[in-house]
Amino acid sequence: MSLPVHVGLDLAWSIRARSGIAVVDSTGALLDSASVRTDDEILAWLAEGAWHPVVVAVDAPLIVTNESGRRVCEALITKAYSRFHAGAYPSNLGNPIFNPPRGGALAGRLGWSLDPDHIPTTHTPVCIEVYPHPAMVALFSLGTVLPYKSRPHRTVEMRRAAFGTLVEKLETLTPLRLTSNARWAELRSVVGSATRPVDLKNAEDEIDAIFCAHLAWLWQHDRSALQVYGSLAEGFIVAPPAPTHPAAR
């Protein structure tokens, strides 16, 4: 028996890197998450659980039409969130990674609609592009992004502390019901005991995917919490409205 789910996909730009994937049920509760690499592995994981996507939220470009520079949606997100240090990375067709974008190709292969106005069903799911950093700033009322991503000046200790904050914030999202989920307990343990960058990376993709799955659930069950930046024609990102709370100094 198939189960309608909302899917979060922290999609790497190529299959050389690992991607995180997670599914939540119709109530928003996390069912499971995993780390995968190829498109076929993504499909196999969904098939193994007999999960049928309704909304898929992808942290990666889906529609890229501009030859250079950045997309309109990236400029709009940056304008809304730059004071929180949550600007968007520019994508264009001049970068081979986005020509074509992996996410859009995957959606086309699986028959997922890229129209954010499409009414999703298990027969024709809708696939939306999301961006966790600004969504976290808005939903958690953060003064700036959480520095859990790998950067040259960030030590494992700094990132582990940021991950600790992220874990606590995610557990406040009641629909996810994370504290009763076995896979979440494993990820929490990995983050808490990490001593190397690779330890954090092993959990990072899945944790981002879980948050993306929550955004997918919101898109169907609480649409007012999110809005579309950009357009179907030129590319779009779904994120919360621009925050009204102050940014950190």
Protein backbone atom coordinates (compact mmCIF):
# COMPACT_ATOMS: atom_id res chain seq x y z
CA MET A 1 0.00 0.00 0.00
CA SER A 2 1.44 3.37 -1.01
CA LEU A 3 1.61 6.29 1.39
CA PRO A 4 1.28 9.93 0.27
CA VAL A 5 4.23 11.90 1.63
CA HIS A 6 5.95 15.25 1.43
CA VAL A 7 9.58 14.99 0.42
CA GLY A 8 12.57 17.12 1.29
CA LEU A 9 15.62 16.83 -0.94
CA ASP A 10 18.93 18.53 -0.18
CA LEU A 11 20.14 17.86 -3.69
CA ALA A 12 23.83 17.99 -4.53
CA TRP A 13 24.58 19.71 -7.82
CA SER A 14 26.20 16.52 -9.15
CA ILE A 15 26.22 12.84 -8.21
CA ARG A 16 29.83 13.13 -7.03
CA ALA A 17 28.51 14.49 -3.73
CA ARG A 18 25.91 13.01 -1.42
CA SER A 19 22.34 14.29 -1.15
CA GLY A 20 19.98 14.16 1.81
CA ILE A 21 16.40 12.95 1.45
CA ALA A 22 13.56 12.88 3.98
CA VAL A 23 9.82 12.22 4.02
CA VAL A 24 7.05 13.42 6.32
CA ASP A 25 3.48 12.14 6.41
CA SER A 26 0.24 14.06 5.92
CA THR A 27 0.38 15.32 9.52
CA GLY A 28 3.94 16.61 9.05
CA ALA A 29 5.65 13.91 11.14
CA LEU A 30 9.07 12.70 10.03
CA LEU A 31 8.94 9.13 8.74
CA ASP A 32 12.55 8.60 7.71
CA SER A 33 15.61 10.19 6.15
CA ALA A 34 18.71 8.96 4.36
CA SER A 35 21.83 9.95 2.45
CA VAL A 36 21.93 9.04 -1.25
CA ARG A 37 24.03 9.90 -4.26
CA THR A 38 22.48 9.14 -7.67
CA ASP A 39 19.02 9.87 -9.06
CA ASP A 40 18.40 6.13 -9.22
CA GLU A 41 19.20 5.84 -5.50
CA ILE A 42 16.65 8.58 -4.79
CA LEU A 43 14.00 6.68 -6.72
CA ALA A 44 14.92 3.35 -5.12
CA TRP A 45 14.71 4.81 -1.61
CA LEU A 46 11.24 6.24 -2.24
CA ALA A 47 10.12 2.97 -3.85
CA GLU A 48 11.43 0.88 -0.96
CA GLY A 49 9.26 2.80 1.47
CA ALA A 50 6.28 2.69 -0.92
CA TRP A 51 6.14 6.47 -0.59
CA HIS A 52 4.32 8.54 -3.19
CA PRO A 53 5.33 12.22 -3.20
CA VAL A 54 2.69 14.93 -3.14
CA VAL A 55 4.98 17.94 -2.68
CA VAL A 56 8.75 17.77 -3.15
CA ALA A 57 10.86 20.64 -1.79
CA VAL A 58 14.34 20.74 -3.33
CA ASP A 59 17.28 22.75 -2.05
CA ALA A 60 18.84 23.25 -5.49
CA PRO A 61 18.00 25.23 -8.63
CA LEU A 62 15.13 23.78 -10.66
CA ILE A 63 14.63 26.34 -13.44
CA VAL A 64 17.58 28.28 -14.86
CA THR A 65 17.15 30.32 -18.05
CA ASN A 66 19.63 33.22 -17.66
CA GLU A 67 22.90 32.94 -19.54
CA SER A 68 24.89 34.80 -16.88
CA GLY A 69 24.57 36.60 -13.56
CA ARG A 70 21.88 35.60 -11.11
CA ARG A 71 18.22 34.74 -11.47
CA VAL A 72 15.51 37.24 -10.53
CA CYS A 73 14.42 34.97 -7.67
CA GLU A 74 17.95 34.99 -6.25
CA ALA A 75 18.05 38.79 -6.38
CA LEU A 76 14.68 38.98 -4.60
CA ILE A 77 15.71 36.53 -1.87
CA THR A 78 18.97 38.39 -1.37
CA LYS A 79 17.15 41.71 -1.09
CA ALA A 80 14.77 40.27 1.53
CA TYR A 81 17.37 38.39 3.57
CA SER A 82 20.82 39.91 2.97
CA ARG A 83 20.82 41.73 6.31
CA PHE A 84 20.57 38.28 7.90
CA HIS A 85 23.48 37.04 5.72
CA ALA A 86 21.13 34.70 3.85
CA GLY A 87 21.71 35.82 0.26
CA ALA A 88 21.36 33.32 -2.57
CA TYR A 89 24.19 31.79 -4.60
CA PRO A 90 23.90 32.86 -8.26
CA SER A 91 23.04 30.21 -10.83
CA ASN A 92 23.15 30.61 -14.61
CA LEU A 93 23.54 28.57 -17.78
CA GLY A 94 27.14 29.73 -18.11
CA ASN A 95 27.95 27.40 -15.21
CA PRO A 96 27.94 23.80 -16.51
CA ILE A 97 26.56 22.59 -13.17
CA PHE A 98 23.28 24.36 -13.94
CA ASN A 99 23.09 23.63 -17.66
CA PRO A 100 20.74 21.90 -17.21
CA PRO A 101 20.04 22.02 -13.45
CA ARG A 102 19.97 18.55 -11.94
CA GLY A 103 16.79 19.23 -9.95
CA GLY A 104 14.77 20.25 -12.99
CA ALA A 105 15.97 17.23 -14.96
CA LEU A 106 14.98 14.91 -12.09
CA ALA A 107 11.53 16.50 -11.86
CA GLY A 108 11.04 16.08 -15.60
CA ARG A 109 12.08 12.44 -15.46
CA LEU A 110 9.56 11.70 -12.72
CA GLY A 111 6.69 13.80 -14.03
CA TRP A 112 6.74 16.27 -11.13
CA SER A 113 5.15 19.60 -11.98
CA LEU A 114 7.39 22.64 -11.58
CA ASP A 115 4.43 25.02 -11.49
CA PRO A 116 4.09 26.29 -7.90
CA ASP A 117 0.41 27.04 -8.60
CA HIS A 118 -0.27 23.42 -9.53
CA ILE A 119 -2.60 21.62 -7.12
CA PRO A 120 -0.48 18.64 -6.04
CA THR A 121 -1.66 15.03 -6.06
CA THR A 122 0.10 11.68 -5.85
CA HIS A 123 -0.51 11.36 -9.62
CA THR A 124 1.14 14.70 -10.39
CA PRO A 125 3.26 15.95 -7.49
CA VAL A 126 4.52 19.52 -7.42
CA CYS A 127 8.23 20.18 -7.06
CA ILE A 128 9.30 23.51 -5.55
CA GLU A 129 12.72 25.03 -5.07
CA VAL A 130 13.46 26.06 -1.48
CA TYR A 131 16.40 27.61 0.35
CA PRO A 132 16.83 26.55 4.00
CA HIS A 133 18.93 29.49 5.27
CA PRO A 134 16.33 32.25 4.79
CA ALA A 135 13.51 29.91 5.78
CA MET A 136 15.30 29.16 9.06
CA VAL A 137 15.88 32.87 9.69
CA ALA A 138 12.18 33.57 9.27
CA LEU A 139 10.62 30.54 10.96
CA PHE A 140 12.99 30.63 13.94
CA SER A 141 13.23 34.46 14.16
CA LEU A 142 17.02 34.30 13.90
CA GLY A 143 19.13 37.44 13.86
CA THR A 144 21.46 35.83 11.33
CA VAL A 145 22.01 32.47 9.67
CA LEU A 146 23.24 29.61 11.82
CA PRO A 147 26.93 28.97 10.92
CA TYR A 148 26.72 25.18 10.68
CA LYS A 149 27.94 24.95 7.08
CA SER A 150 31.60 24.27 6.32
CA ARG A 151 33.64 27.43 5.73
CA PRO A 152 37.42 27.97 5.84
CA HIS A 153 37.33 29.94 9.11
CA ARG A 154 34.88 27.68 10.96
CA THR A 155 36.25 25.03 13.26
CA VAL A 156 34.48 21.77 14.05
CA GLU A 157 33.75 23.14 17.52
CA MET A 158 32.08 26.26 16.09
CA ARG A 159 30.02 24.23 13.65
CA ARG A 160 29.06 21.65 16.26
CA ALA A 161 27.72 24.44 18.49
CA ALA A 162 25.70 25.85 15.59
CA PHE A 163 24.38 22.39 14.79
CA GLY A 164 23.32 22.07 18.42
CA THR A 165 21.27 25.24 18.09
CA LEU A 166 19.79 24.05 14.80
CA VAL A 167 18.80 20.70 16.30
CA GLU A 168 17.05 22.44 19.19
CA LYS A 169 15.24 24.82 16.82
CA LEU A 170 14.07 21.99 14.58
CA GLU A 171 12.66 20.14 17.56
CA THR A 172 10.36 23.12 18.20
CA LEU A 173 8.61 22.41 14.88
CA THR A 174 5.81 20.41 16.46
CA PRO A 175 4.46 18.70 13.31
CA LEU A 176 7.81 16.97 12.70
CA ARG A 177 7.64 15.13 16.06
CA LEU A 178 11.39 14.65 15.94
CA THR A 179 11.99 13.61 19.55
CA SER A 180 10.12 10.35 18.98
CA ASN A 181 11.86 9.48 15.71
CA ALA A 182 14.65 6.87 15.80
CA ARG A 183 16.57 8.21 12.80
CA TRP A 184 16.52 11.72 14.26
CA ALA A 185 18.02 10.36 17.49
CA GLU A 186 20.89 8.89 15.44
CA LEU A 187 21.52 12.17 13.63
CA ARG A 188 21.41 14.07 16.90
CA SER A 189 24.02 11.73 18.34
CA VAL A 190 26.30 12.11 15.30
CA VAL A 191 26.19 15.90 15.57
CA GLY A 192 26.72 15.93 19.33
CA SER A 193 29.79 13.71 19.21
CA ALA A 194 31.40 15.01 15.99
CA THR A 195 35.14 15.60 16.12
CA ARG A 196 35.86 15.86 12.37
CA PRO A 197 34.28 17.84 9.51
CA VAL A 198 33.26 14.58 7.82
CA ASP A 199 31.25 13.60 10.90
CA LEU A 200 29.17 16.75 10.57
CA LYS A 201 28.84 16.39 6.81
CA ASN A 202 27.40 12.90 7.29
CA ALA A 203 24.48 14.42 9.22
CA GLU A 204 24.20 17.81 7.52
CA ASP A 205 22.58 16.66 4.28
CA GLU A 206 19.85 14.70 6.06
CA ILE A 207 19.13 17.45 8.57
CA ASP A 208 18.73 19.96 5.73
CA ALA A 209 16.48 17.49 3.91
CA ILE A 210 14.28 17.11 6.99
CA PHE A 211 13.82 20.86 7.13
CA CYS A 212 13.04 20.90 3.40
CA ALA A 213 10.42 18.19 3.97
CA HIS A 214 8.80 20.45 6.56
CA LEU A 215 8.71 23.26 3.98
CA ALA A 216 7.08 20.86 1.51
CA TRP A 217 4.42 20.07 4.13
CA LEU A 218 3.87 23.78 4.81
CA TRP A 219 3.38 24.43 1.10
CA GLN A 220 0.29 22.23 1.15
CA HIS A 221 -0.99 22.74 4.69
CA ASP A 222 -0.06 26.33 5.60
CA ARG A 223 0.54 28.16 2.34
CA SER A 224 0.36 31.55 4.08
CA ALA A 225 3.70 30.82 5.79
CA LEU A 226 5.50 30.86 2.43
CA GLN A 227 5.55 32.82 -0.80
CA VAL A 228 6.98 32.53 -4.29
CA TYR A 229 9.98 34.68 -5.18
CA GLY A 230 10.41 34.86 -8.94
CA SER A 231 8.36 33.12 -11.62
CA LEU A 232 7.82 29.81 -13.37
CA ALA A 233 9.23 31.29 -16.57
CA GLU A 234 12.56 32.46 -15.10
CA GLY A 235 12.90 30.34 -11.99
CA PHE A 236 11.49 30.67 -8.49
CA ILE A 237 12.32 30.03 -4.85
CA VAL A 238 9.68 29.34 -2.19
CA ALA A 239 10.49 30.94 1.17
CA PRO A 240 8.74 32.83 3.98
CA PRO A 241 7.94 36.52 3.50
CA ALA A 242 10.70 38.99 4.34
CA PRO A 243 11.20 39.04 8.13
CA THR A 244 10.10 41.98 10.23
CA HIS A 245 12.26 41.10 13.23
CA PRO A 246 15.66 42.81 13.62
CA ALA A 247 18.88 41.37 12.26
CA ALA A 248 21.85 40.73 14.51
CA ARG A 249 24.41 43.48 14.66
